[in-house]
Structures are given as structure tokens and as C-alpha cells.
């Protein structure tokens, strides 16, 4: 596996934990974080110029981190690993 992929995996796991901690500490309500992540997903999907340059699977790859972090907000995801 490419080392960069492992670095991104580690970054996502760290961001997921930070996202949960931000919500649990009351810094931002979970719904505000979900809204921000939804806005990010919408922005990716609305960028017609970028979408024209990439395949569907590449767009899905861009959406994966956003969706992963959104999933990390669910209480059932606490303590779950990346895989």
C-alpha cells in the first residue's frame, strides 16, 4: 500500500476522534458538525468543472473523507477502527 494512503488513514482517524471530542465537549453541536460536513459534500458535488475532470470513482474518493467523518459522529462509531 502507498505510504500516503496510510498517512491519510491516520489523519482521518485523528480527525474523527477530534470531531467526536468537539461534539462531546459542546464546542459545536453534532448537528452543526453534520451540517458543515453536508455542506462540504454538496460543494464537492456542485463543482461542475472539477466533476468534468474526474471519473465517478475519483469523485467518490473525494467524498469518502467527508462521509467517514460524518459517520464518526454516530455514537455507535466510538472506539471503532478505520477498517
C-alpha atoms as a PDB file:
ATOM      1  CA  UNK A   1       0.000   0.000   0.000  1.00  0.00           C
ATOM      2  CA  UNK A   2       1.120   3.508  -0.766  1.00  0.00           C
ATOM      3  CA  UNK A   3       2.527   5.269   2.317  1.00  0.00           C
ATOM      4  CA  UNK A   4       0.447   8.354   1.522  1.00  0.00           C
ATOM      5  CA  UNK A   5      -2.710   6.238   1.864  1.00  0.00           C
ATOM      6  CA  UNK A   6      -1.626   5.154   5.338  1.00  0.00           C
ATOM      7  CA  UNK A   7      -0.895   8.749   6.282  1.00  0.00           C
ATOM      8  CA  UNK A   8      -4.359   9.791   5.106  1.00  0.00           C
ATOM      9  CA  UNK A   9      -5.897   6.912   7.037  1.00  0.00           C
ATOM     10  CA  UNK A  10      -4.144   8.083  10.202  1.00  0.00           C
ATOM     11  CA  UNK A  11      -5.233  11.658   9.582  1.00  0.00           C
ATOM     12  CA  UNK A  12      -8.857  10.592   9.133  1.00  0.00           C
ATOM     13  CA  UNK A  13      -8.819   8.549  12.325  1.00  0.00           C
ATOM     14  CA  UNK A  14      -7.383  11.535  14.200  1.00  0.00           C
ATOM     15  CA  UNK A  15      -9.921  13.916  12.665  1.00  0.00           C
ATOM     16  CA  UNK A  16     -12.749  11.527  13.515  1.00  0.00           C
ATOM     17  CA  UNK A  17     -11.679  11.488  17.149  1.00  0.00           C
ATOM     18  CA  UNK A  18     -11.327  15.272  17.232  1.00  0.00           C
ATOM     19  CA  UNK A  19     -14.758  15.634  15.641  1.00  0.00           C
ATOM     20  CA  UNK A  20     -16.292  13.410  18.323  1.00  0.00           C
ATOM     21  CA  UNK A  21     -14.487  15.316  21.087  1.00  0.00           C
ATOM     22  CA  UNK A  22     -15.645  18.682  19.728  1.00  0.00           C
ATOM     23  CA  UNK A  23     -19.230  17.443  19.780  1.00  0.00           C
ATOM     24  CA  UNK A  24     -18.948  15.794  23.213  1.00  0.00           C
ATOM     25  CA  UNK A  25     -17.345  18.901  24.747  1.00  0.00           C
ATOM     26  CA  UNK A  26     -20.188  21.015  23.432  1.00  0.00           C
ATOM     27  CA  UNK A  27     -17.895  23.240  21.384  1.00  0.00           C
ATOM     28  CA  UNK A  28     -20.196  22.606  18.440  1.00  0.00           C
ATOM     29  CA  UNK A  29     -23.410  20.608  18.484  1.00  0.00           C
ATOM     30  CA  UNK A  30     -23.336  17.391  16.451  1.00  0.00           C
ATOM     31  CA  UNK A  31     -25.975  18.841  14.154  1.00  0.00           C
ATOM     32  CA  UNK A  32     -23.733  21.827  13.334  1.00  0.00           C
ATOM     33  CA  UNK A  33     -20.864  19.498  12.510  1.00  0.00           C
ATOM     34  CA  UNK A  34     -23.157  17.330  10.393  1.00  0.00           C
ATOM     35  CA  UNK A  35     -24.361  20.455   8.601  1.00  0.00           C
ATOM     36  CA  UNK A  36     -20.773  21.529   7.860  1.00  0.00           C
ATOM     37  CA  UNK A  37     -19.899  18.082   6.529  1.00  0.00           C
ATOM     38  CA  UNK A  38     -23.061  18.035   4.416  1.00  0.00           C
ATOM     39  CA  UNK A  39     -22.089  21.458   3.032  1.00  0.00           C
ATOM     40  CA  UNK A  40     -18.653  20.077   2.136  1.00  0.00           C
ATOM     41  CA  UNK A  41     -20.238  17.123   0.331  1.00  0.00           C
ATOM     42  CA  UNK A  42     -22.611  19.455  -1.502  1.00  0.00           C
ATOM     43  CA  UNK A  43     -19.720  21.717  -2.548  1.00  0.00           C
ATOM     44  CA  UNK A  44     -17.796  18.773  -3.972  1.00  0.00           C
ATOM     45  CA  UNK A  45     -20.822  17.578  -5.924  1.00  0.00           C
ATOM     46  CA  UNK A  46     -21.688  21.098  -7.156  1.00  0.00           C
ATOM     47  CA  UNK A  47     -18.250  21.802  -8.648  1.00  0.00           C
ATOM     48  CA  UNK A  48     -19.134  21.052 -12.267  1.00  0.00           C
ATOM     49  CA  UNK A  49     -15.684  21.985 -13.591  1.00  0.00           C
ATOM     50  CA  UNK A  50     -13.959  19.555 -11.220  1.00  0.00           C
ATOM     51  CA  UNK A  51     -16.540  16.846 -11.866  1.00  0.00           C
ATOM     52  CA  UNK A  52     -15.875  17.156 -15.603  1.00  0.00           C
ATOM     53  CA  UNK A  53     -12.180  16.469 -14.975  1.00  0.00           C
ATOM     54  CA  UNK A  54     -12.669  13.395 -12.766  1.00  0.00           C
ATOM     55  CA  UNK A  55     -14.270   9.992 -13.038  1.00  0.00           C
ATOM     56  CA  UNK A  56     -17.152   8.974 -10.819  1.00  0.00           C
ATOM     57  CA  UNK A  57     -14.815   6.821  -8.733  1.00  0.00           C
ATOM     58  CA  UNK A  58     -12.473   9.778  -8.221  1.00  0.00           C
ATOM     59  CA  UNK A  59     -15.399  11.919  -7.048  1.00  0.00           C
ATOM     60  CA  UNK A  60     -16.392   9.134  -4.653  1.00  0.00           C
ATOM     61  CA  UNK A  61     -12.789   9.115  -3.391  1.00  0.00           C
ATOM     62  CA  UNK A  62     -13.078  12.841  -2.665  1.00  0.00           C
ATOM     63  CA  UNK A  63     -16.354  12.267  -0.829  1.00  0.00           C
ATOM     64  CA  UNK A  64     -15.031   9.388   1.281  1.00  0.00           C
ATOM     65  CA  UNK A  65     -13.317  11.519   3.988  1.00  0.00           C
ATOM     66  CA  UNK A  66     -16.373  13.736   4.383  1.00  0.00           C
ATOM     67  CA  UNK A  67     -18.668  10.738   4.707  1.00  0.00           C
ATOM     68  CA  UNK A  68     -16.252   8.951   7.040  1.00  0.00           C
ATOM     69  CA  UNK A  69     -16.189  11.942   9.403  1.00  0.00           C
ATOM     70  CA  UNK A  70     -19.982  12.189   9.287  1.00  0.00           C
ATOM     71  CA  UNK A  71     -20.196   8.517  10.248  1.00  0.00           C
ATOM     72  CA  UNK A  72     -17.729   9.117  13.074  1.00  0.00           C
ATOM     73  CA  UNK A  73     -20.292  11.384  14.743  1.00  0.00           C
ATOM     74  CA  UNK A  74     -22.609   8.479  15.438  1.00  0.00           C
ATOM     75  CA  UNK A  75     -22.337   7.130  18.997  1.00  0.00           C
ATOM     76  CA  UNK A  76     -22.047   3.599  17.599  1.00  0.00           C
ATOM     77  CA  UNK A  77     -18.772   4.512  15.894  1.00  0.00           C
ATOM     78  CA  UNK A  78     -16.916   5.340  19.115  1.00  0.00           C
ATOM     79  CA  UNK A  79     -13.945   3.065  19.513  1.00  0.00           C
ATOM     80  CA  UNK A  80     -14.262   1.582  16.043  1.00  0.00           C
ATOM     81  CA  UNK A  81     -11.154   1.343  13.934  1.00  0.00           C
ATOM     82  CA  UNK A  82     -10.739   2.593  10.392  1.00  0.00           C
ATOM     83  CA  UNK A  83     -11.359  -0.769   8.762  1.00  0.00           C
END
